[in-house]
Each structure stands twice: as structure tokens, then as C-alpha cells.
Amino acid sequence: MSLEVHEAEDGLVVYDPARDLVHHLNPTASVIFDLCNGAHDAEAVAAVLAEVFRVDAPPLDAASAGLEELAERGLIE
């Protein structure tokens, strides 16, 4: 998969040339996307989100939903 990733003020802009689609990722989706390297499961992603956004409990539901949405958009496998 060959994606073009560019930082934006409020997240990331990801261009998928194979589909000619541009995706704007908000800060939460950007963190999740950056962690998708095969080394992080949903629990690990949630733990990082808790650190980054300074919340008391790891947001496992948000991490799982974000992973699912990125996969549906074809941005992660």
C-alpha cells in the first residue's frame, strides 16, 4: 500500500493514489494511524491515547472504533 501522508494543523492528510481519495484524520485518528505498524494491538493503542490526551482510563472503545474505521477506509490492513 502506497499512501502519501502529510501533517496538518489538526491531524494528518492521507492521500491514497490507488483510489484517488484524500482522507483528513483528526488528532485521535492520526495517533492511531501512526501506531499501525503491526506492533500495537487495540489495548496498546488505547494506552497511548490515554497518555497523549491525558485521560484517566485507556479509551479502548475509541481505539477499537478508530482502528475499524481506518481499516474500512483502506488506510490500514
PDB file of N, CA and C in Angstrom:
ATOM      1  N   MET A   1       0.855  -1.176   0.000  1.00  0.00           N
ATOM      2  CA  MET A   1       0.000   0.000   0.000  1.00  0.00           C
ATOM      3  C   MET A   1       0.899   1.236   0.000  1.00  0.00           C
ATOM      4  N   SER A   2       0.653   2.130  -0.912  1.00  0.00           N
ATOM      5  CA  SER A   2       1.462   3.335  -1.033  1.00  0.00           C
ATOM      6  C   SER A   2       0.578   4.550  -0.751  1.00  0.00           C
ATOM      7  N   LEU A   3       0.747   5.118   0.409  1.00  0.00           N
ATOM      8  CA  LEU A   3      -0.035   6.283   0.814  1.00  0.00           C
ATOM      9  C   LEU A   3       0.884   7.480   0.969  1.00  0.00           C
ATOM     10  N   GLU A   4       0.360   8.662   0.653  1.00  0.00           N
ATOM     11  CA  GLU A   4       1.090   9.900   0.896  1.00  0.00           C
ATOM     12  C   GLU A   4       0.513  10.515   2.161  1.00  0.00           C
ATOM     13  N   VAL A   5       1.359  10.746   3.149  1.00  0.00           N
ATOM     14  CA  VAL A   5       0.919  11.257   4.442  1.00  0.00           C
ATOM     15  C   VAL A   5       1.545  12.621   4.677  1.00  0.00           C
ATOM     16  N   HIS A   6       0.703  13.593   5.017  1.00  0.00           N
ATOM     17  CA  HIS A   6       1.162  14.958   5.275  1.00  0.00           C
ATOM     18  C   HIS A   6       0.556  15.449   6.582  1.00  0.00           C
ATOM     19  N   GLU A   7       1.391  16.114   7.371  1.00  0.00           N
ATOM     20  CA  GLU A   7       0.889  16.688   8.617  1.00  0.00           C
ATOM     21  C   GLU A   7       0.055  17.926   8.311  1.00  0.00           C
ATOM     22  N   ALA A   8      -0.984  18.095   9.124  1.00  0.00           N
ATOM     23  CA  ALA A   8      -1.835  19.278   9.045  1.00  0.00           C
ATOM     24  C   ALA A   8      -1.911  19.869  10.450  1.00  0.00           C
ATOM     25  N   GLU A   9      -2.443  21.065  10.561  1.00  0.00           N
ATOM     26  CA  GLU A   9      -2.560  21.711  11.873  1.00  0.00           C
ATOM     27  C   GLU A   9      -3.362  20.873  12.848  1.00  0.00           C
ATOM     28  N   ASP A  10      -4.361  20.178  12.354  1.00  0.00           N
ATOM     29  CA  ASP A  10      -5.279  19.459  13.229  1.00  0.00           C
ATOM     30  C   ASP A  10      -5.315  17.960  12.945  1.00  0.00           C
ATOM     31  N   GLY A  11      -4.177  17.391  12.539  1.00  0.00           N
ATOM     32  CA  GLY A  11      -4.139  15.956  12.285  1.00  0.00           C
ATOM     33  C   GLY A  11      -3.263  15.619  11.100  1.00  0.00           C
ATOM     34  N   LEU A  12      -3.729  14.685  10.309  1.00  0.00           N
ATOM     35  CA  LEU A  12      -2.996  14.252   9.122  1.00  0.00           C
ATOM     36  C   LEU A  12      -3.899  14.289   7.899  1.00  0.00           C
ATOM     37  N   VAL A  13      -3.286  14.501   6.749  1.00  0.00           N
ATOM     38  CA  VAL A  13      -3.970  14.358   5.470  1.00  0.00           C
ATOM     39  C   VAL A  13      -3.297  13.174   4.787  1.00  0.00           C
ATOM     40  N   VAL A  14      -4.103  12.177   4.432  1.00  0.00           N
ATOM     41  CA  VAL A  14      -3.579  10.960   3.816  1.00  0.00           C
ATOM     42  C   VAL A  14      -4.201  10.820   2.432  1.00  0.00           C
ATOM     43  N   TYR A  15      -3.329  10.738   1.436  1.00  0.00           N
ATOM     44  CA  TYR A  15      -3.787  10.562   0.055  1.00  0.00           C
ATOM     45  C   TYR A  15      -3.534   9.126  -0.361  1.00  0.00           C
ATOM     46  N   ASP A  16      -4.573   8.492  -0.877  1.00  0.00           N
ATOM     47  CA  ASP A  16      -4.497   7.124  -1.380  1.00  0.00           C
ATOM     48  C   ASP A  16      -4.542   7.204  -2.905  1.00  0.00           C
ATOM     49  N   PRO A  17      -3.373   7.168  -3.576  1.00  0.00           N
ATOM     50  CA  PRO A  17      -3.348   7.320  -5.026  1.00  0.00           C
ATOM     51  C   PRO A  17      -4.025   6.172  -5.776  1.00  0.00           C
ATOM     52  N   ALA A  18      -4.040   4.986  -5.195  1.00  0.00           N
ATOM     53  CA  ALA A  18      -4.674   3.848  -5.872  1.00  0.00           C
ATOM     54  C   ALA A  18      -6.174   4.066  -6.016  1.00  0.00           C
ATOM     55  N   ARG A  19      -6.768   4.753  -5.069  1.00  0.00           N
ATOM     56  CA  ARG A  19      -8.210   5.025  -5.097  1.00  0.00           C
ATOM     57  C   ARG A  19      -8.518   6.479  -5.425  1.00  0.00           C
ATOM     58  N   ASP A  20      -7.477   7.299  -5.534  1.00  0.00           N
ATOM     59  CA  ASP A  20      -7.608   8.741  -5.757  1.00  0.00           C
ATOM     60  C   ASP A  20      -8.524   9.364  -4.704  1.00  0.00           C
ATOM     61  N   LEU A  21      -8.239   9.027  -3.429  1.00  0.00           N
ATOM     62  CA  LEU A  21      -9.023   9.560  -2.307  1.00  0.00           C
ATOM     63  C   LEU A  21      -8.112  10.280  -1.326  1.00  0.00           C
ATOM     64  N   VAL A  22      -8.625  11.356  -0.756  1.00  0.00           N
ATOM     65  CA  VAL A  22      -7.927  12.096   0.290  1.00  0.00           C
ATOM     66  C   VAL A  22      -8.710  11.916   1.577  1.00  0.00           C
ATOM     67  N   HIS A  23      -7.991  11.587   2.650  1.00  0.00           N
ATOM     68  CA  HIS A  23      -8.606  11.397   3.959  1.00  0.00           C
ATOM     69  C   HIS A  23      -8.008  12.407   4.924  1.00  0.00           C
ATOM     70  N   HIS A  24      -8.859  13.100   5.672  1.00  0.00           N
ATOM     71  CA  HIS A  24      -8.387  14.010   6.710  1.00  0.00           C
ATOM     72  C   HIS A  24      -8.596  13.313   8.041  1.00  0.00           C
ATOM     73  N   LEU A  25      -7.515  13.079   8.767  1.00  0.00           N
ATOM     74  CA  LEU A  25      -7.600  12.394  10.047  1.00  0.00           C
ATOM     75  C   LEU A  25      -7.483  13.401  11.185  1.00  0.00           C
ATOM     76  N   ASN A  26      -8.429  13.346  12.104  1.00  0.00           N
ATOM     77  CA  ASN A  26      -8.387  14.231  13.262  1.00  0.00           C
ATOM     78  C   ASN A  26      -7.242  13.789  14.177  1.00  0.00           C
ATOM     79  N   PRO A  27      -6.961  14.536  15.250  1.00  0.00           N
ATOM     80  CA  PRO A  27      -5.824  14.180  16.111  1.00  0.00           C
ATOM     81  C   PRO A  27      -5.875  12.750  16.659  1.00  0.00           C
ATOM     82  N   THR A  28      -7.043  12.287  17.064  1.00  0.00           N
ATOM     83  CA  THR A  28      -7.148  10.927  17.595  1.00  0.00           C
ATOM     84  C   THR A  28      -6.847   9.902  16.509  1.00  0.00           C
ATOM     85  N   ALA A  29      -7.472  10.045  15.356  1.00  0.00           N
ATOM     86  CA  ALA A  29      -7.233   9.114  14.250  1.00  0.00           C
ATOM     87  C   ALA A  29      -5.779   9.170  13.798  1.00  0.00           C
ATOM     88  N   SER A  30      -5.152  10.336  13.881  1.00  0.00           N
ATOM     89  CA  SER A  30      -3.755  10.478  13.487  1.00  0.00           C
ATOM     90  C   SER A  30      -2.837   9.669  14.397  1.00  0.00           C
ATOM     91  N   VAL A  31      -3.095   9.728  15.698  1.00  0.00           N
ATOM     92  CA  VAL A  31      -2.291   8.943  16.644  1.00  0.00           C
ATOM     93  C   VAL A  31      -2.474   7.456  16.361  1.00  0.00           C
ATOM     94  N   ILE A  32      -3.714   7.043  16.169  1.00  0.00           N
ATOM     95  CA  ILE A  32      -3.993   5.631  15.888  1.00  0.00           C
ATOM     96  C   ILE A  32      -3.286   5.208  14.602  1.00  0.00           C
ATOM     97  N   PHE A  33      -3.404   6.005  13.562  1.00  0.00           N
ATOM     98  CA  PHE A  33      -2.761   5.702  12.278  1.00  0.00           C
ATOM     99  C   PHE A  33      -1.249   5.547  12.450  1.00  0.00           C
ATOM    100  N   ASP A  34      -0.638   6.466  13.187  1.00  0.00           N
ATOM    101  CA  ASP A  34       0.813   6.419  13.398  1.00  0.00           C
ATOM    102  C   ASP A  34       1.248   5.152  14.130  1.00  0.00           C
ATOM    103  N   LEU A  35       0.367   4.601  14.956  1.00  0.00           N
ATOM    104  CA  LEU A  35       0.699   3.403  15.733  1.00  0.00           C
ATOM    105  C   LEU A  35       0.485   2.101  14.953  1.00  0.00           C
ATOM    106  N   CYS A  36      -0.088   2.192  13.778  1.00  0.00           N
ATOM    107  CA  CYS A  36      -0.409   0.989  12.999  1.00  0.00           C
ATOM    108  C   CYS A  36       0.812   0.506  12.231  1.00  0.00           C
ATOM    109  N   ASN A  37       1.689  -0.146  12.964  1.00  0.00           N
ATOM    110  CA  ASN A  37       2.907  -0.693  12.363  1.00  0.00           C
ATOM    111  C   ASN A  37       3.022  -2.191  12.620  1.00  0.00           C
ATOM    112  N   GLY A  38       1.952  -2.792  13.114  1.00  0.00           N
ATOM    113  CA  GLY A  38       1.957  -4.220  13.397  1.00  0.00           C
ATOM    114  C   GLY A  38       2.418  -4.560  14.792  1.00  0.00           C
ATOM    115  N   ALA A  39       2.885  -3.580  15.545  1.00  0.00           N
ATOM    116  CA  ALA A  39       3.409  -3.838  16.879  1.00  0.00           C
ATOM    117  C   ALA A  39       2.428  -3.477  17.994  1.00  0.00           C
ATOM    118  N   HIS A  40       1.281  -2.897  17.651  1.00  0.00           N
ATOM    119  CA  HIS A  40       0.341  -2.433  18.667  1.00  0.00           C
ATOM    120  C   HIS A  40      -1.034  -3.050  18.454  1.00  0.00           C
ATOM    121  N   ASP A  41      -1.575  -3.651  19.497  1.00  0.00           N
ATOM    122  CA  ASP A  41      -2.961  -4.114  19.433  1.00  0.00           C
ATOM    123  C   ASP A  41      -3.860  -2.996  19.955  1.00  0.00           C
ATOM    124  N   ALA A  42      -5.159  -3.238  19.987  1.00  0.00           N
ATOM    125  CA  ALA A  42      -6.114  -2.201  20.401  1.00  0.00           C
ATOM    126  C   ALA A  42      -5.838  -1.712  21.817  1.00  0.00           C
ATOM    127  N   GLU A  43      -5.451  -2.616  22.716  1.00  0.00           N
ATOM    128  CA  GLU A  43      -5.167  -2.216  24.091  1.00  0.00           C
ATOM    129  C   GLU A  43      -3.956  -1.297  24.168  1.00  0.00           C
ATOM    130  N   ALA A  44      -2.931  -1.599  23.386  1.00  0.00           N
ATOM    131  CA  ALA A  44      -1.737  -0.751  23.363  1.00  0.00           C
ATOM    132  C   ALA A  44      -2.051   0.619  22.762  1.00  0.00           C
ATOM    133  N   VAL A  45      -2.862   0.638  21.717  1.00  0.00           N
ATOM    134  CA  VAL A  45      -3.278   1.907  21.118  1.00  0.00           C
ATOM    135  C   VAL A  45      -4.061   2.728  22.140  1.00  0.00           C
ATOM    136  N   ALA A  46      -4.973   2.092  22.857  1.00  0.00           N
ATOM    137  CA  ALA A  46      -5.765   2.788  23.877  1.00  0.00           C
ATOM    138  C   ALA A  46      -4.868   3.360  24.966  1.00  0.00           C
ATOM    139  N   ALA A  47      -3.844   2.625  25.366  1.00  0.00           N
ATOM    140  CA  ALA A  47      -2.923   3.114  26.400  1.00  0.00           C
ATOM    141  C   ALA A  47      -2.182   4.360  25.926  1.00  0.00           C
ATOM    142  N   VAL A  48      -1.755   4.370  24.676  1.00  0.00           N
ATOM    143  CA  VAL A  48      -1.073   5.547  24.132  1.00  0.00           C
ATOM    144  C   VAL A  48      -2.046   6.723  24.041  1.00  0.00           C
ATOM    145  N   LEU A  49      -3.269   6.466  23.603  1.00  0.00           N
ATOM    146  CA  LEU A  49      -4.272   7.545  23.539  1.00  0.00           C
ATOM    147  C   LEU A  49      -4.488   8.156  24.916  1.00  0.00           C
ATOM    148  N   ALA A  50      -4.532   7.329  25.949  1.00  0.00           N
ATOM    149  CA  ALA A  50      -4.722   7.837  27.315  1.00  0.00           C
ATOM    150  C   ALA A  50      -3.572   8.757  27.707  1.00  0.00           C
ATOM    151  N   GLU A  51      -2.348   8.391  27.324  1.00  0.00           N
ATOM    152  CA  GLU A  51      -1.190   9.233  27.626  1.00  0.00           C
ATOM    153  C   GLU A  51      -1.235  10.539  26.843  1.00  0.00           C
ATOM    154  N   VAL A  52      -1.459  10.424  25.549  1.00  0.00           N
ATOM    155  CA  VAL A  52      -1.417  11.606  24.678  1.00  0.00           C
ATOM    156  C   VAL A  52      -2.493  12.619  25.061  1.00  0.00           C
ATOM    157  N   PHE A  53      -3.700  12.124  25.317  1.00  0.00           N
ATOM    158  CA  PHE A  53      -4.816  13.033  25.581  1.00  0.00           C
ATOM    159  C   PHE A  53      -5.112  13.191  27.069  1.00  0.00           C
ATOM    160  N   ARG A  54      -4.246  12.610  27.903  1.00  0.00           N
ATOM    161  CA  ARG A  54      -4.312  12.769  29.356  1.00  0.00           C
ATOM    162  C   ARG A  54      -5.683  12.450  29.936  1.00  0.00           C
ATOM    163  N   VAL A  55      -6.131  11.248  29.652  1.00  0.00           N
ATOM    164  CA  VAL A  55      -7.381  10.765  30.233  1.00  0.00           C
ATOM    165  C   VAL A  55      -7.050   9.674  31.236  1.00  0.00           C
ATOM    166  N   ASP A  56      -7.937   9.487  32.205  1.00  0.00           N
ATOM    167  CA  ASP A  56      -7.673   8.562  33.306  1.00  0.00           C
ATOM    168  C   ASP A  56      -7.608   7.104  32.875  1.00  0.00           C
ATOM    169  N   ALA A  57      -8.539   6.692  32.044  1.00  0.00           N
ATOM    170  CA  ALA A  57      -8.604   5.288  31.647  1.00  0.00           C
ATOM    171  C   ALA A  57      -8.355   5.173  30.147  1.00  0.00           C
ATOM    172  N   PRO A  58      -7.638   4.142  29.730  1.00  0.00           N
ATOM    173  CA  PRO A  58      -7.422   3.952  28.289  1.00  0.00           C
ATOM    174  C   PRO A  58      -8.755   3.795  27.554  1.00  0.00           C
ATOM    175  N   PRO A  59      -8.978   4.596  26.523  1.00  0.00           N
ATOM    176  CA  PRO A  59     -10.246   4.566  25.788  1.00  0.00           C
ATOM    177  C   PRO A  59     -10.280   3.423  24.761  1.00  0.00           C
ATOM    178  N   LEU A  60     -10.480   2.205  25.262  1.00  0.00           N
ATOM    179  CA  LEU A  60     -10.445   1.029  24.396  1.00  0.00           C
ATOM    180  C   LEU A  60     -11.512   1.082  23.312  1.00  0.00           C
ATOM    181  N   ASP A  61     -12.723   1.554  23.655  1.00  0.00           N
ATOM    182  CA  ASP A  61     -13.781   1.648  22.641  1.00  0.00           C
ATOM    183  C   ASP A  61     -13.382   2.601  21.509  1.00  0.00           C
ATOM    184  N   ALA A  62     -12.794   3.744  21.865  1.00  0.00           N
ATOM    185  CA  ALA A  62     -12.375   4.713  20.853  1.00  0.00           C
ATOM    186  C   ALA A  62     -11.235   4.151  20.007  1.00  0.00           C
ATOM    187  N   ALA A  63     -10.312   3.454  20.640  1.00  0.00           N
ATOM    188  CA  ALA A  63      -9.202   2.864  19.902  1.00  0.00           C
ATOM    189  C   ALA A  63      -9.709   1.808  18.925  1.00  0.00           C
ATOM    190  N   SER A  64     -10.594   0.954  19.392  1.00  0.00           N
ATOM    191  CA  SER A  64     -11.146  -0.098  18.526  1.00  0.00           C
ATOM    192  C   SER A  64     -11.933   0.494  17.371  1.00  0.00           C
ATOM    193  N   ALA A  65     -12.753   1.505  17.667  1.00  0.00           N
ATOM    194  CA  ALA A  65     -13.551   2.149  16.619  1.00  0.00           C
ATOM    195  C   ALA A  65     -12.642   2.842  15.605  1.00  0.00           C
ATOM    196  N   GLY A  66     -11.591   3.485  16.080  1.00  0.00           N
ATOM    197  CA  GLY A  66     -10.660   4.153  15.176  1.00  0.00           C
ATOM    198  C   GLY A  66      -9.932   3.166  14.282  1.00  0.00           C
ATOM    199  N   LEU A  67      -9.497   2.055  14.843  1.00  0.00           N
ATOM    200  CA  LEU A  67      -8.839   1.021  14.050  1.00  0.00           C
ATOM    201  C   LEU A  67      -9.785   0.466  12.992  1.00  0.00           C
ATOM    202  N   GLU A  68     -11.021   0.238  13.392  1.00  0.00           N
ATOM    203  CA  GLU A  68     -12.013  -0.296  12.453  1.00  0.00           C
ATOM    204  C   GLU A  68     -12.274   0.681  11.314  1.00  0.00           C
ATOM    205  N   GLU A  69     -12.406   1.964  11.649  1.00  0.00           N
ATOM    206  CA  GLU A  69     -12.684   2.953  10.607  1.00  0.00           C
ATOM    207  C   GLU A  69     -11.505   3.099   9.638  1.00  0.00           C
ATOM    208  N   LEU A  70     -10.287   3.101  10.173  1.00  0.00           N
ATOM    209  CA  LEU A  70      -9.115   3.189   9.292  1.00  0.00           C
ATOM    210  C   LEU A  70      -9.039   1.984   8.370  1.00  0.00           C
ATOM    211  N   ALA A  71      -9.387   0.812   8.888  1.00  0.00           N
ATOM    212  CA  ALA A  71      -9.387  -0.397   8.063  1.00  0.00           C
ATOM    213  C   ALA A  71     -10.478  -0.319   6.989  1.00  0.00           C
ATOM    214  N   GLU A  72     -11.659   0.162   7.365  1.00  0.00           N
ATOM    215  CA  GLU A  72     -12.758   0.292   6.393  1.00  0.00           C
ATOM    216  C   GLU A  72     -12.383   1.246   5.274  1.00  0.00           C
ATOM    217  N   ARG A  73     -11.633   2.287   5.594  1.00  0.00           N
ATOM    218  CA  ARG A  73     -11.211   3.259   4.580  1.00  0.00           C
ATOM    219  C   ARG A  73     -10.040   2.739   3.740  1.00  0.00           C
ATOM    220  N   GLY A  74      -9.499   1.587   4.120  1.00  0.00           N
ATOM    221  CA  GLY A  74      -8.385   1.012   3.384  1.00  0.00           C
ATOM    222  C   GLY A  74      -7.045   1.654   3.704  1.00  0.00           C
ATOM    223  N   LEU A  75      -6.959   2.337   4.855  1.00  0.00           N
ATOM    224  CA  LEU A  75      -5.722   3.016   5.224  1.00  0.00           C
ATOM    225  C   LEU A  75      -4.783   2.116   6.020  1.00  0.00           C
ATOM    226  N   ILE A  76      -5.330   1.067   6.622  1.00  0.00           N
ATOM    227  CA  ILE A  76      -4.519   0.069   7.327  1.00  0.00           C
ATOM    228  C   ILE A  76      -5.025  -1.306   6.947  1.00  0.00           C
ATOM    229  N   GLU A  77      -4.209  -2.297   7.164  1.00  0.00           N
ATOM    230  CA  GLU A  77      -4.606  -3.678   6.863  1.00  0.00           C
ATOM    231  C   GLU A  77      -4.706  -4.463   8.149  1.00  0.00           C
TER     232      GLU A  77
END
